[in-house]
Protein backbone atom coordinates (compact mmCIF):
# COMPACT_ATOMS: atom_id res chain seq x y z
CA UNK A 1 -48.75 -18.01 12.12
CA UNK A 2 -49.33 -17.12 15.78
CA UNK A 3 -52.40 -14.95 16.55
CA UNK A 4 -51.40 -13.90 20.04
CA UNK A 5 -47.69 -13.03 19.72
CA UNK A 6 -45.02 -12.05 17.25
CA UNK A 7 -41.24 -12.74 17.47
CA UNK A 8 -38.41 -10.58 16.19
CA UNK A 9 -34.65 -11.03 15.97
CA UNK A 10 -33.51 -7.51 16.78
CA UNK A 11 -31.03 -5.50 14.82
CA UNK A 12 -28.52 -3.26 16.57
CA UNK A 13 -30.35 -0.57 18.68
CA UNK A 14 -33.76 -1.54 17.29
CA UNK A 15 -36.61 0.02 19.38
CA UNK A 16 -39.82 -0.38 17.31
CA UNK A 17 -41.70 -3.68 17.06
CA UNK A 18 -45.10 -3.79 15.30
CA UNK A 19 -47.89 -6.28 16.06
CA UNK A 20 -51.35 -6.95 14.61
CA UNK A 21 -53.16 -9.07 17.23
CA UNK A 22 -56.22 -7.64 19.06
CA UNK A 23 -56.22 -6.98 22.82
CA UNK A 24 -58.72 -5.79 25.48
CA UNK A 25 -56.56 -3.57 27.64
CA UNK A 26 -53.14 -1.94 27.22
CA UNK A 27 -51.76 -3.88 30.14
CA UNK A 28 -52.50 -7.09 28.29
CA UNK A 29 -49.62 -6.35 25.83
CA UNK A 30 -46.42 -7.77 27.14
CA UNK A 31 -42.76 -7.69 25.92
CA UNK A 32 -40.09 -10.39 26.47
CA UNK A 33 -36.44 -10.05 25.56
CA UNK A 34 -34.68 -13.43 25.27
CA UNK A 35 -37.54 -14.92 27.37
CA UNK A 36 -37.41 -12.31 30.17
CA UNK A 37 -40.36 -9.94 30.75
CA UNK A 38 -39.64 -6.24 30.56
CA UNK A 39 -41.85 -3.19 31.35
CA UNK A 40 -39.42 -0.72 29.77
CA UNK A 41 -41.55 0.04 26.73
CA UNK A 42 -44.31 2.30 25.46
CA UNK A 43 -47.47 1.13 23.66
CA UNK A 44 -48.20 3.13 20.44
CA UNK A 45 -51.64 2.70 18.69
CA UNK A 46 -51.48 5.26 15.88
CA UNK A 47 -51.16 4.97 12.97
CA UNK A 48 -50.59 1.25 13.74
CA UNK A 49 -50.01 -0.84 16.83
CA UNK A 50 -46.40 -1.21 17.97
CA UNK A 51 -44.26 -1.23 21.12
CA UNK A 52 -41.27 1.10 21.46
CA UNK A 53 -38.51 0.01 23.80
CA UNK A 54 -37.02 2.67 26.12
CA UNK A 55 -33.57 1.50 25.13
CA UNK A 56 -32.64 -0.14 21.79
CA UNK A 57 -32.19 -3.90 21.73
CA UNK A 58 -28.87 -5.56 21.13
CA UNK A 59 -28.40 -7.18 17.72
CA UNK A 60 -29.47 -10.81 17.77
CA UNK A 61 -31.74 -10.56 20.84
CA UNK A 62 -35.13 -12.36 20.46
CA UNK A 63 -37.90 -9.88 21.21
CA UNK A 64 -41.50 -11.32 21.61
CA UNK A 65 -44.47 -9.04 21.71
CA UNK A 66 -47.40 -11.09 23.07
CA UNK A 67 -50.88 -10.80 24.54
CA UNK A 68 -51.64 -11.97 28.11
CA UNK A 69 -55.32 -11.37 28.85
CA UNK A 70 -55.02 -11.85 32.64
CA UNK A 71 -56.51 -15.36 33.05
CA UNK A 72 -56.69 -14.89 36.82
CA UNK A 73 -58.87 -11.76 36.67
CA UNK A 74 -62.66 -11.36 35.83
CA UNK A 75 -62.96 -8.37 33.54
CA UNK A 76 -66.79 -8.36 33.82
CA UNK A 77 -68.84 -8.92 37.00
CA UNK A 78 -72.53 -9.73 36.32
CA UNK A 79 -75.03 -8.62 39.02
CA UNK A 80 -78.52 -10.06 39.53
CA UNK A 81 -81.21 -7.91 38.08
CA UNK A 82 -78.82 -5.69 36.17
CA UNK A 83 -79.25 -4.74 32.55
CA UNK A 84 -76.80 -6.71 30.28
CA UNK A 85 -75.65 -4.55 27.50
CA UNK A 86 -74.18 -5.74 24.22
CA UNK A 87 -70.88 -4.17 25.14
CA UNK A 88 -70.52 -6.00 28.40
CA UNK A 89 -71.49 -9.33 26.82
CA UNK A 90 -69.08 -8.89 23.96
CA UNK A 91 -66.32 -7.82 26.37
CA UNK A 92 -66.82 -10.96 28.52
CA UNK A 93 -67.01 -13.17 25.45
CA UNK A 94 -63.81 -11.64 23.91
CA UNK A 95 -61.99 -12.15 27.24
CA UNK A 96 -62.80 -15.89 27.21
CA UNK A 97 -61.98 -16.12 23.52
CA UNK A 98 -58.61 -14.37 23.90
CA UNK A 99 -57.72 -16.59 26.82
CA UNK A 100 -58.56 -19.71 24.82
CA UNK A 101 -56.47 -18.42 21.89
CA UNK A 102 -53.46 -17.82 24.16
CA UNK A 103 -53.82 -21.23 25.80
CA UNK A 104 -54.13 -22.97 22.42
CA UNK A 105 -51.01 -21.35 21.07
CA UNK A 106 -49.05 -22.11 24.21
CA UNK A 107 -50.25 -25.74 23.95
CA UNK A 108 -49.32 -25.91 20.26
CA UNK A 109 -45.77 -24.68 21.09
CA UNK A 110 -45.44 -27.18 23.93
CA UNK A 111 -43.85 -30.63 23.87
CA UNK A 112 -46.65 -33.07 22.95
CA UNK A 113 -47.20 -36.71 22.33
CA UNK A 114 -46.97 -37.58 18.67
CA UNK A 115 -50.08 -38.65 16.75
CA UNK A 116 -50.92 -42.35 17.16
CA UNK A 117 -48.20 -43.00 19.70
CA UNK A 118 -46.97 -42.57 23.24
CA UNK A 119 -43.66 -40.79 22.57
CA UNK A 120 -43.01 -37.10 22.90
CA UNK A 121 -42.64 -35.21 19.67
CA UNK A 122 -40.26 -32.24 19.75
CA UNK A 123 -41.15 -31.35 16.16
CA UNK A 124 -37.52 -31.11 15.14
CA UNK A 125 -36.78 -28.46 17.79
CA UNK A 126 -34.08 -28.52 20.38
CA UNK A 127 -34.92 -29.05 24.05
CA UNK A 128 -33.21 -26.34 26.13
CA UNK A 129 -32.26 -26.05 29.81
CA UNK A 130 -31.89 -29.83 30.38
CA UNK A 131 -30.16 -30.67 33.69
CA UNK A 132 -27.23 -33.03 33.94
CA UNK A 133 -28.61 -36.59 34.17
CA UNK A 134 -28.30 -38.64 37.34
CA UNK A 135 -30.43 -41.67 36.66
CA UNK A 136 -29.84 -44.13 33.83
CA UNK A 137 -33.17 -43.13 32.23
CA UNK A 138 -32.62 -39.36 32.41
CA UNK A 139 -32.33 -37.22 29.29
CA UNK A 140 -28.77 -36.25 28.64
CA UNK A 141 -27.38 -32.87 27.49
CA UNK A 142 -25.06 -32.57 24.50
CA UNK A 143 -22.22 -31.57 26.83
CA UNK A 144 -22.70 -34.68 28.92
CA UNK A 145 -22.73 -36.93 25.87
CA UNK A 146 -19.65 -35.17 24.41
CA UNK A 147 -17.71 -35.73 27.61
CA UNK A 148 -18.57 -39.47 27.65
CA UNK A 149 -17.60 -39.84 23.95
CA UNK A 150 -14.30 -38.03 24.62
CA UNK A 151 -13.67 -40.36 27.55
CA UNK A 152 -14.27 -43.41 25.38
CA UNK A 153 -11.95 -42.03 22.64
CA UNK A 154 -9.14 -40.74 24.86
CA UNK A 155 -9.68 -42.44 28.21
CA UNK A 156 -11.24 -41.19 31.46
CA UNK A 157 -9.38 -38.65 33.59
CA UNK A 158 -9.61 -40.97 36.69
CA UNK A 159 -9.13 -44.73 37.17
CA UNK A 160 -12.20 -47.05 37.29
CA UNK A 161 -14.23 -46.84 40.46
CA UNK A 162 -13.63 -49.47 43.19
CA UNK A 163 -15.62 -50.48 46.28
CA UNK A 164 -14.71 -53.05 48.98
CA UNK A 165 -17.05 -54.53 51.63
CA UNK A 166 -17.21 -57.28 54.29
CA UNK A 167 -19.96 -59.74 53.47
CA UNK A 168 -23.20 -59.89 55.41
CA UNK A 169 -24.72 -63.29 56.19
CA UNK A 170 -27.74 -64.30 54.13
CA UNK A 171 -29.00 -64.21 50.56
CA UNK A 172 -29.64 -61.06 48.45
CA UNK A 173 -27.54 -58.93 50.65
CA UNK A 174 -27.11 -55.33 49.46
CA UNK A 175 -24.17 -52.94 49.45
CA UNK A 176 -23.98 -49.21 48.64
CA UNK A 177 -21.77 -48.42 45.58
CA UNK A 178 -21.72 -44.67 45.68
CA UNK A 179 -21.43 -42.92 42.35
CA UNK A 180 -21.91 -46.03 40.23
CA UNK A 181 -23.07 -44.59 36.95
CA UNK A 182 -22.80 -47.38 34.32
CA UNK A 183 -25.98 -49.33 33.48
CA UNK A 184 -25.59 -53.07 33.11
CA UNK A 185 -24.49 -55.80 35.46
CA UNK A 186 -21.63 -56.85 33.17
CA UNK A 187 -20.11 -53.41 33.48
CA UNK A 188 -18.90 -54.38 37.00
CA UNK A 189 -16.40 -57.00 38.09
CA UNK A 190 -17.33 -58.59 41.44
CA UNK A 191 -15.23 -61.04 43.43
CA UNK A 192 -16.01 -62.75 46.74
CA UNK A 193 -12.88 -64.00 48.62
CA UNK A 194 -10.99 -63.72 45.30
CA UNK A 195 -13.49 -65.75 43.29
CA UNK A 196 -14.98 -63.87 40.27
CA UNK A 197 -18.82 -63.91 40.24
CA UNK A 198 -21.08 -64.07 37.21
CA UNK A 199 -23.04 -60.94 36.36
CA UNK A 200 -26.84 -61.14 36.71
CA UNK A 201 -26.64 -64.71 38.06
CA UNK A 202 -24.53 -63.98 41.14
CA UNK A 203 -25.04 -60.22 41.45
CA UNK A 204 -26.95 -57.21 40.09
CA UNK A 205 -26.16 -53.49 40.10
CA UNK A 206 -28.66 -50.61 40.05
CA UNK A 207 -26.75 -47.36 39.31
CA UNK A 208 -29.93 -45.30 39.93
CA UNK A 209 -29.97 -46.30 43.61
CA UNK A 210 -26.19 -46.94 43.91
CA UNK A 211 -26.96 -50.46 45.09
CA UNK A 212 -25.14 -53.83 44.58
CA UNK A 213 -27.00 -57.04 45.45
CA UNK A 214 -25.19 -60.35 46.05
CA UNK A 215 -27.74 -63.04 45.14
CA UNK A 216 -26.30 -66.30 46.60
CA UNK A 217 -26.33 -66.78 50.35
CA UNK A 218 -23.21 -65.67 52.25
CA UNK A 219 -21.92 -66.88 55.54
CA UNK A 220 -20.73 -63.43 56.53
CA UNK A 221 -17.25 -61.89 56.80
CA UNK A 222 -16.38 -62.53 53.09
CA UNK A 223 -14.11 -60.01 51.29
CA UNK A 224 -16.17 -58.44 48.52
CA UNK A 225 -14.47 -56.30 45.87
CA UNK A 226 -16.38 -54.42 43.14
CA UNK A 227 -14.71 -52.65 40.25
CA UNK A 228 -16.75 -50.58 37.81
CA UNK A 229 -15.37 -51.35 34.35
CA UNK A 230 -15.07 -48.19 32.49
CA UNK A 231 -12.46 -46.05 31.05
CA UNK A 232 -8.90 -46.35 32.14
CA UNK A 233 -6.25 -43.63 32.50
CA UNK A 234 -5.82 -42.07 29.00
CA UNK A 235 -2.71 -42.43 26.94
CA UNK A 236 -2.49 -38.81 25.78
CA UNK A 237 -0.30 -37.55 22.95
CA UNK A 238 3.39 -37.33 23.62
CA UNK A 239 3.59 -39.58 26.72
CA UNK A 240 5.15 -42.74 25.22
CA UNK A 241 8.89 -42.58 25.70
CA UNK A 242 11.83 -45.01 25.29
CA UNK A 243 11.46 -46.41 28.79
CA UNK A 244 7.85 -47.34 28.19
CA UNK A 245 8.43 -49.64 25.19
CA UNK A 246 10.12 -53.03 25.53
CA UNK A 247 12.95 -53.69 23.13
CA UNK A 248 11.60 -55.26 20.00
CA UNK A 249 7.97 -54.61 20.99
CA UNK A 250 7.08 -52.45 17.96
CA UNK A 251 6.42 -54.87 15.12
CA UNK A 252 4.57 -54.62 11.77
CA UNK A 253 1.58 -56.39 13.36
CA UNK A 254 1.38 -53.74 16.10
CA UNK A 255 1.19 -50.80 13.73
CA UNK A 256 -1.70 -49.72 11.53
CA UNK A 257 -0.69 -48.06 8.32
CA UNK A 258 0.10 -44.35 8.95
CA UNK A 259 -0.46 -44.81 12.68
CA UNK A 260 2.94 -43.39 13.64
CA UNK A 261 2.77 -39.60 13.43
CA UNK A 262 5.21 -36.97 14.66
CA UNK A 263 2.83 -36.09 17.52
CA UNK A 264 2.82 -39.74 18.78
CA UNK A 265 6.59 -39.97 19.33
CA UNK A 266 8.73 -38.15 21.88
CA UNK A 267 11.89 -36.48 20.52
CA UNK A 268 14.67 -39.08 20.57
CA UNK A 269 12.37 -41.98 21.52
CA UNK A 270 13.00 -44.07 18.41
CA UNK A 271 16.25 -46.00 18.80
CA UNK A 272 17.57 -49.03 16.98
CA UNK A 273 16.86 -51.23 20.00
CA UNK A 274 13.16 -50.35 19.92
CA UNK A 275 12.46 -51.54 16.41
CA UNK A 276 12.57 -55.05 14.95
CA UNK A 277 14.39 -55.43 11.65
CA UNK A 278 12.11 -54.51 8.76
CA UNK A 279 9.29 -53.29 11.02
CA UNK A 280 9.33 -49.67 9.84
CA UNK A 281 8.17 -49.41 6.23
CA UNK A 282 7.15 -46.33 4.16
CA UNK A 283 3.45 -47.28 4.66
CA UNK A 284 3.79 -47.13 8.48
CA UNK A 285 5.02 -43.54 8.61
CA UNK A 286 3.12 -40.43 7.64
CA UNK A 287 4.92 -37.96 5.33
CA UNK A 288 7.08 -35.63 7.38
CA UNK A 289 6.68 -37.59 10.61
CA UNK A 290 10.34 -38.56 11.01
CA UNK A 291 12.39 -35.45 11.62
CA UNK A 292 15.87 -35.03 13.04
CA UNK A 293 14.40 -34.18 16.36
CA UNK A 294 12.60 -37.53 16.48
CA UNK A 295 15.80 -39.58 16.10
CA UNK A 296 17.89 -40.64 19.12
CA UNK A 297 20.97 -39.67 17.16
CA UNK A 298 20.04 -36.75 14.80
CA UNK A 299 21.61 -36.84 11.38
CA UNK A 300 24.31 -34.24 10.70
CA UNK A 301 25.56 -33.81 7.13
CA UNK A 302 29.36 -34.38 7.02
CA UNK A 303 31.67 -31.67 5.74
CA UNK A 304 33.76 -32.35 2.66
CA UNK A 305 37.21 -30.99 1.94
CA UNK A 306 39.27 -30.82 -1.23
CA UNK A 307 38.22 -29.42 -4.64
CA UNK A 308 34.53 -29.55 -3.59
CA UNK A 309 33.89 -28.36 -0.01
CA UNK A 310 30.63 -28.36 1.97
CA UNK A 311 29.13 -27.02 5.14
CA UNK A 312 27.05 -28.89 7.73
CA UNK A 313 23.77 -28.33 5.85
CA UNK A 314 25.12 -30.13 2.77
CA UNK A 315 25.70 -27.08 0.55
CA UNK A 316 28.67 -27.65 -1.69
CA UNK A 317 31.13 -25.12 -3.21
CA UNK A 318 33.93 -25.65 -5.74
CA UNK A 319 37.20 -24.39 -4.35
CA UNK A 320 39.03 -21.61 -6.23
CA UNK A 321 41.26 -22.76 -9.08
CA UNK A 322 39.86 -26.33 -8.72
CA UNK A 323 38.64 -26.59 -12.32
CA UNK A 324 41.72 -27.47 -14.44
CA UNK A 325 41.92 -28.73 -18.06
CA UNK A 326 42.18 -32.26 -16.79
CA UNK A 327 38.71 -31.82 -15.04
CA UNK A 328 37.01 -30.89 -18.28
CA UNK A 329 35.44 -33.29 -20.88
CA UNK A 330 37.18 -32.25 -24.12
CA UNK A 331 34.37 -33.75 -26.17
CA UNK A 332 31.78 -31.35 -24.80
CA UNK A 333 30.93 -27.83 -26.05
CA UNK A 334 31.35 -24.96 -23.53
CA UNK A 335 29.92 -21.48 -23.39
CA UNK A 336 32.09 -18.79 -21.70
CA UNK A 337 30.64 -15.38 -20.78
CA UNK A 338 33.90 -13.95 -19.54
CA UNK A 339 36.39 -14.68 -16.82
CA UNK A 340 37.37 -11.10 -15.92
CA UNK A 341 35.26 -8.24 -14.63
CA UNK A 342 35.35 -6.50 -18.02
CA UNK A 343 34.31 -9.57 -20.02
CA UNK A 344 37.81 -10.42 -21.33
CA UNK A 345 39.21 -13.92 -21.55
CA UNK A 346 42.89 -13.75 -20.78
CA UNK A 347 45.40 -16.43 -21.98
CA UNK A 348 48.63 -15.41 -20.25
CA UNK A 349 52.01 -17.09 -20.51
CA UNK A 350 53.61 -17.47 -17.07
CA UNK A 351 56.65 -19.34 -18.37
CA UNK A 352 58.64 -19.36 -21.59
CA UNK A 353 55.83 -20.75 -23.72
CA UNK A 354 53.73 -19.65 -26.69
CA UNK A 355 50.12 -19.80 -25.53
CA UNK A 356 47.50 -20.38 -28.15
CA UNK A 357 43.72 -20.60 -28.45
CA UNK A 358 43.13 -23.69 -30.56
CA UNK A 359 39.80 -24.34 -32.32
CA UNK A 360 39.59 -27.80 -33.87
CA UNK A 361 36.68 -28.98 -35.96
CA UNK A 362 36.23 -31.89 -38.38
CA UNK A 363 34.76 -29.38 -40.94
CA UNK A 364 36.94 -26.39 -40.15
CA UNK A 365 36.77 -23.82 -37.41
CA UNK A 366 35.50 -20.25 -37.04
CA UNK A 367 36.29 -17.31 -34.76
CA UNK A 368 33.29 -14.95 -34.94
CA UNK A 369 33.30 -11.24 -34.17
CA UNK A 370 29.78 -10.21 -33.40
CA UNK A 371 29.04 -6.54 -32.95
CA UNK A 372 25.58 -6.44 -31.32
CA UNK A 373 25.25 -2.69 -31.54
CA UNK A 374 22.54 -1.08 -33.82
CA UNK A 375 24.92 -0.62 -36.74
CA UNK A 376 27.23 -3.55 -36.03
CA UNK A 377 28.13 -6.42 -38.29
CA UNK A 378 29.08 -10.04 -37.85
CA UNK A 379 32.46 -11.19 -39.26
CA UNK A 380 34.16 -14.58 -39.13
CA UNK A 381 37.75 -15.71 -39.35
CA UNK A 382 37.36 -19.26 -40.60
CA UNK A 383 39.07 -22.20 -42.17
CA UNK A 384 37.28 -24.63 -44.49
CA UNK A 385 38.05 -27.36 -47.02
CA UNK A 386 36.80 -28.05 -50.51
CA UNK A 387 36.22 -31.03 -52.78
CA UNK A 388 39.84 -30.88 -54.04
CA UNK A 389 41.25 -31.51 -50.51
CA UNK A 390 42.68 -28.02 -50.29
CA UNK A 391 41.87 -25.78 -47.35
CA UNK A 392 41.23 -22.06 -47.30
CA UNK A 393 41.36 -19.22 -44.81
CA UNK A 394 38.43 -16.84 -45.10
CA UNK A 395 37.80 -13.37 -43.75
CA UNK A 396 34.14 -12.36 -43.65
CA UNK A 397 32.60 -15.83 -43.87
CA UNK A 398 29.44 -15.56 -41.80
CA UNK A 399 27.35 -18.75 -42.24
CA UNK A 400 24.00 -17.47 -41.01
CA UNK A 401 20.63 -17.41 -42.76
CA UNK A 402 17.52 -15.50 -41.82
CA UNK A 403 13.82 -16.16 -42.41
CA UNK A 404 11.86 -15.42 -45.51
CA UNK A 405 10.44 -11.79 -45.65
CA UNK A 406 7.78 -10.56 -48.09
CA UNK A 407 8.75 -7.59 -50.32
CA UNK A 408 7.19 -5.31 -52.92
CA UNK A 409 8.89 -3.34 -55.56
CA UNK A 410 9.02 0.46 -55.02
CA UNK A 411 11.03 2.00 -57.82
CA UNK A 412 14.00 1.46 -60.10
CA UNK A 413 16.72 3.52 -61.83
CA UNK A 414 19.01 2.39 -64.57
CA UNK A 415 21.43 0.90 -61.99
CA UNK A 416 19.46 0.14 -58.80
CA UNK A 417 16.10 -1.00 -57.51
CA UNK A 418 14.32 -0.16 -54.19
CA UNK A 419 12.11 -2.69 -52.37
CA UNK A 420 9.69 -2.37 -49.46
CA UNK A 421 9.36 -4.88 -46.57
CA UNK A 422 6.04 -5.42 -44.67
CA UNK A 423 7.80 -4.59 -41.36
CA UNK A 424 11.18 -3.33 -40.08
CA UNK A 425 13.77 -5.42 -41.95
CA UNK A 426 16.77 -4.99 -39.64
CA UNK A 427 19.15 -5.20 -42.64
CA UNK A 428 22.46 -3.37 -42.87
CA UNK A 429 24.38 -2.01 -45.83
CA UNK A 430 26.73 -4.71 -47.11
CA UNK A 431 24.40 -7.57 -46.17
CA UNK A 432 23.41 -10.06 -48.77
CA UNK A 433 19.90 -11.30 -49.53
CA UNK A 434 18.56 -14.06 -51.86
CA UNK A 435 15.60 -12.93 -53.96
CA UNK A 436 12.73 -15.29 -54.99
CA UNK A 437 9.28 -15.15 -56.55
CA UNK A 438 10.21 -13.83 -60.02
CA UNK A 439 10.08 -15.65 -63.32
CA UNK A 440 13.28 -13.81 -64.29
CA UNK A 441 16.32 -15.89 -63.29
CA UNK A 442 18.54 -12.87 -62.96
CA UNK A 443 16.23 -11.47 -60.23
CA UNK A 444 16.07 -14.80 -58.38
CA UNK A 445 19.70 -14.48 -57.20
CA UNK A 446 21.88 -13.33 -54.32
CA UNK A 447 22.48 -9.58 -54.15
CA UNK A 448 24.22 -7.14 -51.88
CA UNK A 449 22.39 -4.37 -50.05
CA UNK A 450 23.95 -1.16 -51.37
CA UNK A 451 21.84 1.31 -49.43
CA UNK A 452 19.41 1.35 -46.48
CA UNK A 453 16.69 3.82 -47.52
CA UNK A 454 14.60 3.45 -44.30
CA UNK A 455 13.71 0.85 -41.62
CA UNK A 456 11.35 -0.77 -44.20
CA UNK A 457 13.11 -0.01 -47.54
CA UNK A 458 16.46 -1.08 -48.98
CA UNK A 459 18.28 -0.78 -52.33
CA UNK A 460 20.19 -3.27 -54.48
CA UNK A 461 21.93 -3.03 -57.87
CA UNK A 462 19.56 -3.65 -60.76
CA UNK A 463 19.61 -7.33 -61.74
CA UNK A 464 17.33 -7.15 -64.81
CA UNK A 465 15.12 -4.66 -66.68
CA UNK A 466 12.27 -7.16 -66.31
CA UNK A 467 9.36 -5.79 -64.32
CA UNK A 468 8.47 -9.23 -62.97
CA UNK A 469 10.06 -8.31 -59.66
CA UNK A 470 10.72 -10.84 -56.89
CA UNK A 471 8.23 -11.07 -53.98
CA UNK A 472 10.38 -12.39 -51.15
CA UNK A 473 13.94 -12.28 -49.75
CA UNK A 474 15.94 -14.38 -47.29
CA UNK A 475 18.83 -12.69 -45.54
CA UNK A 476 22.07 -14.60 -46.04
CA UNK A 477 25.58 -13.97 -44.83
CA UNK A 478 27.17 -17.04 -46.33
CA UNK A 479 29.25 -14.97 -48.76
CA UNK A 480 33.10 -15.02 -48.50
CA UNK A 481 34.49 -11.68 -49.74
CA UNK A 482 38.15 -12.52 -49.06
CA UNK A 483 39.75 -15.96 -49.21
CA UNK A 484 43.37 -17.16 -49.06
CA UNK A 485 43.57 -20.69 -50.38
CA UNK A 486 46.65 -22.93 -50.38
CA UNK A 487 47.74 -24.58 -53.70
CA UNK A 488 50.82 -26.62 -54.37
CA UNK A 489 51.00 -25.42 -57.97
CA UNK A 490 52.80 -22.10 -57.77
CA UNK A 491 51.68 -21.21 -61.31
CA UNK A 492 48.17 -20.75 -59.87
CA UNK A 493 49.13 -17.92 -57.53
CA UNK A 494 46.12 -15.97 -58.74
CA UNK A 495 43.90 -18.59 -57.08
CA UNK A 496 45.51 -18.14 -53.76
CA UNK A 497 44.30 -14.59 -53.30
CA UNK A 498 40.76 -14.29 -54.39
CA UNK A 499 38.34 -11.39 -53.63
CA UNK A 500 34.69 -11.94 -54.30
CA UNK A 501 31.65 -9.75 -53.89
CA UNK A 502 33.44 -6.51 -54.67
CA UNK A 503 31.21 -3.96 -56.38
CA UNK A 504 31.86 -3.70 -60.14
CA UNK A 505 31.49 -0.92 -62.69
CA UNK A 506 33.19 1.46 -64.96
CA UNK A 507 33.51 3.90 -62.06
CA UNK A 508 33.42 3.64 -58.26
CA UNK A 509 29.84 3.41 -56.89
CA UNK A 510 28.67 6.59 -55.17
CA UNK A 511 27.96 4.73 -51.94
CA UNK A 512 31.48 3.30 -51.73
CA UNK A 513 33.31 4.49 -48.64
CA UNK A 514 36.89 5.84 -48.65
CA UNK A 515 39.46 3.06 -48.47
CA UNK A 516 37.08 0.33 -49.89
CA UNK A 517 37.86 -1.72 -52.96
CA UNK A 518 35.96 -2.02 -56.24
CA UNK A 519 36.53 -3.74 -59.57
CA UNK A 520 36.96 -1.49 -62.68
CA UNK A 521 35.30 -3.55 -65.47
CA UNK A 522 37.07 -1.52 -68.14
CA UNK A 523 40.30 -3.35 -67.41
CA UNK A 524 39.26 -5.86 -64.63
CA UNK A 525 41.55 -4.13 -62.19
CA UNK A 526 41.02 -3.81 -58.41
CA UNK A 527 40.89 -0.22 -57.31
CA UNK A 528 40.58 1.51 -53.96
CA UNK A 529 38.53 4.62 -53.34
CA UNK A 530 41.15 7.10 -52.13
CA UNK A 531 40.86 8.75 -48.74
CA UNK A 532 40.41 12.50 -48.76
CA UNK A 533 42.44 14.36 -46.15
CA UNK A 534 41.65 17.94 -45.26
């Protein structure tokens, strides 16, 4: 750590900068801001040493507080025969000591020759304020090197330098090549009367003195031409057009993979005549490089007319009334959400016909009426066949099965039992469920929901007095309450009209609604609960 100065990187508006080094006089304390001396500060000594700037520093400025003990001034003047006090001797000694400390630290911070060598050691620090080099051995700034690298990569902004002279008689004749700046004889092409000369053997070039020397003896009057090889005129982006490329000149061998980018090609420059067959492959072109603007004849999507029309951008639209029955694959299923604004599907006869909606299936067909409201039901109008080869028409055939739901028994009466589900069951009165989990066969059966007690409780007719109640149900709607079946034997008319699933008892169940049917078990007759009119 330095003994004679301290450096700070200032914060915004910072004024106070402390220091701990000793000094002989107040004027020996100096302040530099970014390397420039300033006297706009006050020296404060209590309670500790510090300098206070008159105006706060700018954030990021380097502030150095240092000691300069006036090396060009004698602080003590000894006189012959005078009494030398301890104070005067100490003061003189400290002055010399402080000067040596300051010189030592300045020397330590200076560029020095590295130990055991002859090269300068910058100690991993940058060298600032270097001038632009003029001689080949001069140190170069970063900016100078960057410019040269850019010229090598992209080409110089001016053509190579050229000088022309008339030969002087004699050997080792010299000529001034002003602004020659490339070191090395082979960096220059020299011809005498059109004959190319050999570098170093026939001529030398010293760019530091801008001098060319012709070594062999000349008769005088020869035409001498010198060209400094260097960097030619750059080929910058976007300057190669159609007229600059010979037909067929771009071949696979001329292209590096991914060398052709959008920035390298002028709009419309790539024509068929400029490319050999097979020269342009996927590997030669960067993704997205070839756009419409890069093509001599930009692609335009054609318009289509007819049932399917399109616009210039390729978007296609099916014309109104273009989808006819002949356009549909009759073997595929279709889902229709509604053709009219109110969701209706209209089948309208426009001539003297009898329009029909035909549903054909190898195992029958079903028209389903699905009421999705909270209290709605699902009903089917369906046709099926049986093992006897006779078909039937069913009203109420649903054909859906739910998932298994856990239940617990709540209570029972002499005619009905109430069960609890673990969560909302979603059942409706009139649904059927299949019980399971009981050792009593009569309980493990399909039963109708006769009452919805709550969102988690339902009631069915009592199946058995056994208290080994079922533990699970599966909702099922596969029951067919009303079936009309065709038989050829007219004596079996009773089989043609068959009603299943009607509630049975010696009297109408209390939950039966007006107009609903029930079976009176006293005489096996079908009865209807009469409607009551006020």
